[in-house]
Amino acid sequence: MEIAIFVVVIAVIFISRSVKVVPQQNSWVVERLGKYNTSLTPGLNFLVPFVDKVAYKHSLKEIPLDVPSQVCITRDNTQLQVDGILYFQVTDPMRASYGSSNYIMAVTQLAQTSLRSVIGKLELDKTFEERDIINAQVVQAIDEAALNWGVKVLRYEIKDLTPPKEILHAMQAQITAEREKRALIAASEGRRQEQINIATGEREAFIARSEGEKQAVINKAQGEAQSITAVADATAGAIERIAAAIRQPGGAEAVQLKVAERAVDAYSRVASDATSTLIVPSNMTEVSALISSAMKMVQAQKSA
């Protein structure tokens, strides 16, 4: 009975040492008699009992590593408190096992020294503007050394950049002054544009008024010309009708009678005015002579 139990125990130990099940996204390093033999892949694996042993277990997942906060000095001798996070992944389990005694600590220390070196080449303002460049340079510096440790550095991100309080106050004052400057520039540009708009409006209004006055003068001149033309046409028509009437039988006698009536009417108006002095010709035949002269002119025009 005791022998059977002993055999069972031996069998269990034998199976536990010879059969290994590796989880997904993991890799186990196997040593044979103290020397690296192979790396087990996920799934069922078999070992030689008491000869092979699992020396290291590595996760192949992406690992986030918080890099401790540190003080960095910029190119213009300003201190910065920098806090970041590093993302890396084990790509070679064998090198990760034998390349460094502690690859996590090695990567962390290298990230800190690389960050101090990169920030030391930049001025304070550039450190805030060029975070992407800083992250890329840190990754490049770490990745070159981490290849010997079987580790691939994927990315580095700066979580926080904290300058001293005095620098923060100075930066805040600079930002305030810059904003006030922009506000003054915007106000002056607004006033300038307002003056330009007013001047443009006045110029356009003056042009519009002058165009209106010009058109009014043109319209008035055209109206006066048309009025004069109409009066002249009417006068010419009246003269033509009078001339035609004179040419008719009895026209000359009618004109003579009309002239005599005009003369008598003129004498009567002058005589009725109390302020006027009437001089009557001594010879009334002068009146008939005047009428005769008018009739001769009419006869001349008629014969022409």
Protein backbone atom coordinates (compact mmCIF):
# COMPACT_ATOMS: atom_id res chain seq x y z
CA MET A 1 0.00 0.00 0.00
CA GLU A 2 2.77 2.41 0.91
CA ILE A 3 4.60 1.51 -2.28
CA ALA A 4 1.49 2.35 -4.34
CA ILE A 5 1.14 5.71 -2.66
CA PHE A 6 4.80 6.41 -3.27
CA VAL A 7 4.43 5.52 -6.94
CA VAL A 8 1.41 7.82 -7.27
CA VAL A 9 3.27 10.69 -5.66
CA ILE A 10 6.22 10.14 -7.96
CA ALA A 11 3.90 10.05 -10.95
CA VAL A 12 2.23 13.32 -9.92
CA ILE A 13 5.57 15.00 -9.45
CA PHE A 14 6.75 13.63 -12.78
CA ILE A 15 3.65 14.91 -14.59
CA SER A 16 3.77 18.35 -12.92
CA ARG A 17 7.37 18.76 -13.95
CA SER A 18 6.96 17.45 -17.47
CA VAL A 19 3.67 19.06 -18.55
CA LYS A 20 3.37 22.84 -18.69
CA VAL A 21 0.41 24.90 -19.94
CA VAL A 22 1.44 28.46 -20.95
CA PRO A 23 -1.35 31.13 -20.99
CA GLN A 24 -2.03 33.28 -24.06
CA GLN A 25 0.25 36.33 -24.52
CA ASN A 26 2.88 34.79 -22.24
CA SER A 27 6.27 33.20 -22.80
CA TRP A 28 8.23 31.03 -20.38
CA VAL A 29 11.99 30.61 -20.53
CA VAL A 30 13.22 27.02 -19.92
CA GLU A 31 16.69 26.18 -18.69
CA ARG A 32 18.22 22.73 -19.03
CA LEU A 33 20.80 21.97 -16.39
CA GLY A 34 21.19 25.70 -15.70
CA LYS A 35 21.57 26.71 -19.35
CA TYR A 36 19.01 28.37 -21.62
CA ASN A 37 17.21 25.73 -23.65
CA THR A 38 14.03 27.18 -25.19
CA SER A 39 11.09 29.53 -24.77
CA LEU A 40 7.65 27.98 -24.33
CA THR A 41 4.81 29.32 -26.47
CA PRO A 42 1.17 29.55 -25.31
CA GLY A 43 -0.52 26.17 -25.02
CA LEU A 44 0.53 22.68 -23.90
CA ASN A 45 4.28 22.05 -23.61
CA PHE A 46 6.37 19.10 -22.35
CA LEU A 47 9.64 19.21 -20.40
CA VAL A 48 12.18 16.66 -19.25
CA PRO A 49 11.54 16.19 -15.52
CA PHE A 50 14.35 17.12 -13.15
CA VAL A 51 16.42 18.27 -16.13
CA ASP A 52 14.37 21.18 -17.49
CA LYS A 53 12.90 23.93 -15.37
CA VAL A 54 10.96 27.14 -16.01
CA ALA A 55 13.40 29.88 -15.00
CA TYR A 56 11.52 33.06 -16.14
CA LYS A 57 7.96 33.96 -17.00
CA HIS A 58 7.26 36.98 -19.18
CA SER A 59 4.06 38.71 -20.28
CA LEU A 60 4.04 39.74 -23.95
CA LYS A 61 1.30 42.33 -23.44
CA GLU A 62 1.91 46.07 -23.68
CA ILE A 63 3.00 47.28 -20.26
CA PRO A 64 2.43 50.86 -19.02
CA LEU A 65 5.23 52.02 -16.74
CA ASP A 66 4.90 55.15 -14.63
CA VAL A 67 8.20 57.03 -14.75
CA PRO A 68 8.83 58.78 -11.40
CA SER A 69 8.65 62.57 -11.40
CA GLN A 70 12.00 64.32 -11.68
CA VAL A 71 13.51 67.79 -11.96
CA CYS A 72 14.93 68.72 -15.37
CA ILE A 73 16.87 71.87 -16.28
CA THR A 74 16.16 73.57 -19.61
CA ARG A 75 18.65 75.27 -21.89
CA ASP A 76 17.87 78.65 -20.32
CA ASN A 77 18.55 77.26 -16.81
CA THR A 78 14.94 76.87 -15.70
CA GLN A 79 13.91 73.97 -13.51
CA LEU A 80 10.95 71.84 -14.55
CA GLN A 81 9.16 69.11 -12.63
CA VAL A 82 8.44 66.46 -15.28
CA ASP A 83 6.18 63.45 -14.89
CA GLY A 84 5.69 60.88 -17.66
CA ILE A 85 4.51 57.41 -18.54
CA LEU A 86 6.26 54.81 -20.71
CA TYR A 87 4.69 52.01 -22.76
CA PHE A 88 6.83 49.00 -23.68
CA GLN A 89 6.50 45.35 -24.65
CA VAL A 90 8.70 42.27 -24.25
CA THR A 91 9.61 41.02 -27.73
CA ASP A 92 12.48 38.60 -26.93
CA PRO A 93 11.93 36.56 -23.74
CA MET A 94 15.48 35.16 -23.82
CA ARG A 95 17.12 38.61 -23.89
CA ALA A 96 14.63 39.92 -21.35
CA SER A 97 15.77 37.11 -19.04
CA TYR A 98 19.52 37.36 -19.52
CA GLY A 99 20.13 40.81 -21.03
CA SER A 100 19.47 42.67 -17.78
CA SER A 101 18.95 41.68 -14.18
CA ASN A 102 15.89 43.97 -14.05
CA TYR A 103 14.81 45.36 -17.40
CA ILE A 104 11.94 47.34 -15.88
CA MET A 105 14.29 49.32 -13.65
CA ALA A 106 16.72 49.68 -16.53
CA VAL A 107 14.04 51.09 -18.83
CA THR A 108 12.83 53.45 -16.11
CA GLN A 109 16.27 54.85 -15.38
CA LEU A 110 17.05 55.20 -19.08
CA ALA A 111 13.77 57.06 -19.64
CA GLN A 112 14.65 59.55 -16.90
CA THR A 113 18.17 60.21 -18.15
CA SER A 114 17.00 60.50 -21.78
CA LEU A 115 14.28 62.94 -20.76
CA ARG A 116 16.76 65.15 -18.89
CA SER A 117 19.06 65.12 -21.91
CA VAL A 118 16.29 66.09 -24.37
CA ILE A 119 14.84 68.85 -22.20
CA GLY A 120 18.32 70.24 -21.55
CA LYS A 121 18.58 71.05 -25.27
CA LEU A 122 15.36 73.10 -25.31
CA GLU A 123 14.35 76.45 -23.90
CA LEU A 124 11.44 76.75 -21.51
CA ASP A 125 8.87 77.91 -24.07
CA LYS A 126 9.82 75.14 -26.48
CA THR A 127 9.22 72.44 -23.86
CA PHE A 128 5.54 73.35 -23.77
CA GLU A 129 5.22 73.69 -27.55
CA GLU A 130 7.16 70.59 -28.65
CA ARG A 131 5.90 67.78 -26.44
CA ASP A 132 5.52 65.46 -29.40
CA ILE A 133 9.15 66.02 -30.38
CA ILE A 134 10.30 65.37 -26.80
CA ASN A 135 8.27 62.16 -26.64
CA ALA A 136 9.67 60.92 -29.96
CA GLN A 137 13.28 61.66 -29.00
CA VAL A 138 12.90 59.90 -25.65
CA VAL A 139 11.43 56.82 -27.34
CA GLN A 140 14.24 56.77 -29.90
CA ALA A 141 16.93 57.03 -27.20
CA ILE A 142 15.42 54.27 -25.05
CA ASP A 143 14.60 51.94 -27.93
CA GLU A 144 18.20 51.76 -29.13
CA ALA A 145 19.43 50.54 -25.74
CA ALA A 146 16.39 48.40 -24.93
CA LEU A 147 16.99 46.09 -27.90
CA ASN A 148 19.66 44.28 -25.89
CA TRP A 149 17.11 43.69 -23.15
CA GLY A 150 14.52 42.12 -25.43
CA VAL A 151 12.18 45.06 -24.91
CA LYS A 152 10.47 47.26 -27.51
CA VAL A 153 9.58 50.80 -26.36
CA LEU A 154 6.30 51.77 -28.02
CA ARG A 155 5.77 55.37 -26.85
CA TYR A 156 6.43 57.85 -24.11
CA GLU A 157 3.98 60.51 -22.96
CA ILE A 158 4.67 63.52 -20.73
CA LYS A 159 1.86 63.74 -18.22
CA ASP A 160 2.79 67.03 -16.63
CA LEU A 161 5.32 69.85 -16.88
CA THR A 162 5.43 72.04 -13.79
CA PRO A 163 7.76 75.07 -13.69
CA PRO A 164 8.51 76.95 -10.44
CA LYS A 165 5.91 79.33 -9.02
CA GLU A 166 7.93 82.39 -10.01
CA ILE A 167 8.04 81.21 -13.60
CA LEU A 168 4.31 80.48 -13.52
CA HIS A 169 3.58 84.01 -12.32
CA ALA A 170 5.84 85.47 -15.00
CA MET A 171 4.20 83.35 -17.68
CA GLN A 172 0.75 84.39 -16.49
CA ALA A 173 1.77 88.05 -16.59
CA GLN A 174 3.17 87.56 -20.10
CA ILE A 175 -0.05 85.90 -21.24
CA THR A 176 -2.11 88.73 -19.72
CA ALA A 177 0.05 91.37 -21.43
CA GLU A 178 -0.21 89.52 -24.73
CA ARG A 179 -3.98 89.35 -24.48
CA GLU A 180 -4.21 93.05 -23.59
CA LYS A 181 -1.98 93.81 -26.57
CA ARG A 182 -4.25 91.79 -28.85
CA ALA A 183 -7.30 93.58 -27.42
CA LEU A 184 -5.73 97.00 -28.08
CA ILE A 185 -4.75 95.97 -31.60
CA ALA A 186 -8.25 94.67 -32.25
CA ALA A 187 -9.78 97.91 -30.92
CA SER A 188 -7.48 100.07 -33.06
CA GLU A 189 -8.23 97.94 -36.11
CA GLY A 190 -11.92 98.37 -35.39
CA ARG A 191 -11.58 102.16 -35.14
CA ARG A 192 -9.50 102.22 -38.31
CA GLN A 193 -12.07 100.18 -40.18
CA GLU A 194 -14.83 102.40 -38.80
CA GLN A 195 -13.09 105.55 -40.09
CA ILE A 196 -12.52 103.89 -43.45
CA ASN A 197 -16.19 102.94 -43.65
CA ILE A 198 -17.29 106.47 -42.69
CA ALA A 199 -14.97 108.07 -45.26
CA THR A 200 -16.10 105.60 -47.91
CA GLY A 201 -19.74 106.30 -47.10
CA GLU A 202 -19.23 110.08 -47.24
CA ARG A 203 -17.40 109.79 -50.57
CA GLU A 204 -20.13 107.63 -52.06
CA ALA A 205 -22.80 110.00 -50.69
CA PHE A 206 -20.99 113.02 -52.19
CA ILE A 207 -20.69 111.25 -55.52
CA ALA A 208 -24.36 110.32 -55.40
CA ARG A 209 -25.37 113.93 -54.57
CA SER A 210 -23.18 115.34 -57.35
CA GLU A 211 -24.60 112.81 -59.80
CA GLY A 212 -28.10 113.80 -58.69
CA GLU A 213 -27.38 117.53 -59.04
CA LYS A 214 -25.82 116.91 -62.44
CA GLN A 215 -28.85 114.98 -63.59
CA ALA A 216 -31.17 117.69 -62.20
CA VAL A 217 -29.30 120.41 -64.15
CA ILE A 218 -29.42 118.27 -67.29
CA ASN A 219 -33.13 117.64 -66.81
CA LYS A 220 -33.80 121.37 -66.20
CA ALA A 221 -31.80 122.36 -69.29
CA GLN A 222 -33.60 119.77 -71.36
CA GLY A 223 -36.94 121.03 -70.00
CA GLU A 224 -36.10 124.66 -70.79
CA ALA A 225 -34.91 123.70 -74.27
CA GLN A 226 -38.10 121.78 -74.89
CA SER A 227 -40.14 124.74 -73.53
CA ILE A 228 -38.33 127.22 -75.78
CA THR A 229 -38.77 124.88 -78.73
CA ALA A 230 -42.48 124.53 -77.98
CA VAL A 231 -42.93 128.31 -77.66
CA ALA A 232 -41.00 128.89 -80.88
CA ASP A 233 -43.07 126.24 -82.67
CA ALA A 234 -46.27 127.80 -81.35
CA THR A 235 -45.16 131.31 -82.36
CA ALA A 236 -44.13 130.10 -85.80
CA GLY A 237 -47.49 128.40 -86.21
CA ALA A 238 -49.32 131.52 -85.13
CA ILE A 239 -47.34 133.66 -87.57
CA GLU A 240 -48.00 131.21 -90.37
CA ARG A 241 -51.73 131.27 -89.61
CA ILE A 242 -51.74 135.11 -89.52
CA ALA A 243 -49.85 135.26 -92.81
CA ALA A 244 -52.28 132.80 -94.33
CA ALA A 245 -55.21 134.84 -93.05
CA ILE A 246 -53.77 138.06 -94.50
CA ARG A 247 -53.50 136.45 -97.92
CA GLN A 248 -57.22 135.74 -97.86
CA PRO A 249 -59.67 138.35 -99.39
CA GLY A 250 -60.28 141.17 -96.90
CA GLY A 251 -57.27 140.17 -94.84
CA ALA A 252 -55.40 143.42 -95.45
CA GLU A 253 -58.42 145.51 -94.35
CA ALA A 254 -58.73 143.38 -91.23
CA VAL A 255 -55.10 143.93 -90.35
CA GLN A 256 -55.49 147.68 -90.92
CA LEU A 257 -58.49 147.72 -88.66
CA LYS A 258 -56.65 145.69 -86.00
CA VAL A 259 -53.66 148.03 -86.03
CA ALA A 260 -55.93 151.03 -85.69
CA GLU A 261 -57.69 149.41 -82.76
CA ARG A 262 -54.34 148.68 -81.12
CA ALA A 263 -53.25 152.29 -81.54
CA VAL A 264 -56.48 153.69 -80.14
CA ASP A 265 -56.36 151.22 -77.27
CA ALA A 266 -52.77 152.23 -76.46
CA TYR A 267 -53.71 155.91 -76.39
CA SER A 268 -56.67 155.16 -74.17
CA ARG A 269 -54.54 153.22 -71.62
CA VAL A 270 -51.97 155.98 -71.45
CA ALA A 271 -54.70 158.58 -71.02
CA SER A 272 -56.34 156.62 -68.18
CA ASP A 273 -53.09 156.47 -66.13
CA ALA A 274 -53.06 159.50 -63.72
CA THR A 275 -49.27 159.43 -63.37
CA SER A 276 -48.64 159.49 -67.09
CA THR A 277 -48.38 162.53 -69.31
CA LEU A 278 -50.07 162.19 -72.68
CA ILE A 279 -48.62 164.06 -75.62
CA VAL A 280 -51.07 164.18 -78.47
CA PRO A 281 -49.64 164.77 -81.92
CA SER A 282 -50.60 168.13 -83.42
CA ASN A 283 -51.42 166.44 -86.63
CA MET A 284 -53.65 163.38 -86.24
CA THR A 285 -52.72 162.38 -89.75
CA GLU A 286 -49.55 160.97 -88.21
CA VAL A 287 -51.63 158.21 -86.74
CA SER A 288 -53.02 157.32 -90.11
CA ALA A 289 -49.49 157.51 -91.49
CA LEU A 290 -48.39 155.02 -88.87
CA ILE A 291 -51.19 152.73 -89.86
CA SER A 292 -50.31 153.16 -93.53
CA SER A 293 -46.69 152.20 -92.82
CA ALA A 294 -47.77 149.07 -91.01
CA MET A 295 -50.04 148.12 -93.89
CA LYS A 296 -47.22 148.62 -96.39
CA MET A 297 -45.07 146.21 -94.38
CA VAL A 298 -47.90 143.71 -94.39
CA GLN A 299 -48.33 144.13 -98.16
CA ALA A 300 -44.59 143.64 -98.68
CA GLN A 301 -44.63 140.41 -96.67
CA LYS A 302 -47.72 139.25 -98.56
CA SER A 303 -46.12 139.91 -101.96
CA ALA A 304 -42.96 138.14 -100.89
